[in-house]
Protein backbone atom coordinates (compact mmCIF):
# COMPACT_ATOMS: atom_id res chain seq x y z
CA MET A 1 24.56 -12.85 38.22
CA ASN A 2 24.18 -9.38 36.69
CA SER A 3 21.89 -6.70 38.11
CA VAL A 4 18.99 -7.39 35.88
CA ASN A 5 18.72 -11.01 37.05
CA ILE A 6 18.97 -9.99 40.73
CA ARG A 7 16.10 -7.56 40.18
CA LYS A 8 13.87 -10.29 38.77
CA VAL A 9 14.76 -12.61 41.64
CA ASP A 10 13.99 -9.89 44.21
CA LEU A 11 10.67 -8.89 42.57
CA ALA A 12 9.53 -12.52 42.53
CA LYS A 13 9.99 -12.60 46.27
CA LEU A 14 7.61 -9.75 46.81
CA SER A 15 4.42 -11.42 45.93
CA MET A 16 2.80 -14.80 46.36
CA ALA A 17 4.08 -16.98 43.38
CA ASN A 18 0.66 -18.63 42.54
CA ALA A 19 -1.22 -15.38 41.87
CA PRO A 20 -3.82 -15.25 40.63
CA ASP A 21 -5.39 -18.46 41.92
CA ILE A 22 -9.11 -18.21 42.15
CA LYS A 23 -10.62 -21.52 43.53
CA GLY A 24 -14.33 -20.36 43.65
CA THR A 25 -16.62 -17.59 43.06
CA PRO A 26 -15.78 -14.58 45.38
CA SER A 27 -17.19 -14.01 47.96
CA GLY A 28 -16.59 -17.47 49.21
CA PRO A 29 -18.49 -19.14 52.09
CA LYS A 30 -15.88 -18.24 54.84
CA SER A 31 -15.65 -14.65 53.52
CA LYS A 32 -19.42 -14.27 53.47
CA GLU A 33 -19.71 -15.49 57.03
CA LEU A 34 -16.95 -13.15 58.39
CA LEU A 35 -18.25 -10.14 56.41
CA ASP A 36 -21.82 -10.83 57.71
CA TYR A 37 -20.52 -11.02 61.21
CA GLN A 38 -18.58 -7.80 60.74
CA ALA A 39 -21.62 -5.89 59.30
CA SER A 40 -23.73 -6.88 62.24
CA HIS A 41 -21.20 -5.90 64.89
CA GLU A 42 -19.57 -2.59 63.61
CA SER A 43 -20.83 0.89 63.52
CA SER A 44 -21.38 2.76 60.23
CA ALA A 45 -18.22 4.84 61.07
CA VAL A 46 -15.62 2.90 59.26
CA THR A 47 -12.38 4.18 57.73
CA TYR A 48 -11.90 1.45 55.03
CA ALA A 49 -13.58 0.60 51.73
CA LYS A 50 -16.53 -1.66 52.19
CA GLY A 51 -16.91 -2.44 48.57
CA MET A 52 -14.42 -5.35 48.49
CA HIS A 53 -16.56 -8.45 49.18
CA ILE A 54 -13.65 -10.76 50.45
CA ALA A 55 -12.23 -11.29 53.87
CA ILE A 56 -8.48 -10.88 53.60
CA ARG A 57 -6.39 -13.53 55.45
CA ARG A 58 -2.98 -12.07 54.37
CA ALA A 59 -1.23 -9.97 51.81
CA LYS A 60 2.25 -9.92 50.27
CA GLY A 61 3.51 -7.33 47.93
CA ALA A 62 0.92 -6.99 45.11
CA THR A 63 -0.99 -10.15 46.13
CA ILE A 64 -3.86 -10.73 48.54
CA GLU A 65 -5.16 -14.09 49.85
CA ASP A 66 -8.61 -14.27 51.34
CA VAL A 67 -9.92 -16.68 53.94
CA ASP A 68 -11.29 -18.98 51.27
CA VAL A 69 -7.64 -19.36 49.96
CA ASN A 70 -8.21 -17.46 46.66
CA VAL A 71 -5.17 -15.47 45.69
CA TYR A 72 -5.73 -12.06 43.87
CA ILE A 73 -3.50 -9.52 42.38
CA ASP A 74 -3.81 -6.30 44.12
CA CYS A 75 -4.80 -3.47 41.74
CA PHE A 76 -5.76 -1.00 44.44
CA GLY A 77 -2.24 0.03 45.32
CA GLY A 78 -1.86 2.81 42.75
CA GLY A 79 1.45 3.66 41.14
CA PRO A 80 4.05 6.35 40.93
CA GLY A 81 3.02 9.85 40.79
């Protein structure tokens, strides 16, 4: 296997293979429930963006899965420079 093929295989392991996979309209019912709970229990002094209306279950590489099992491609990470 040459170096180009190795790079393609390595990159494939960095993200969830099925991205994007949106099963319903974001925010799904589980995300809404968790975000409502969070909003009612936290102060206004937060250090993260509140504009993302999904509850993240896990992330891998450039992909994010929410608690409603929707898989997104993460476009917030930026790039070089």
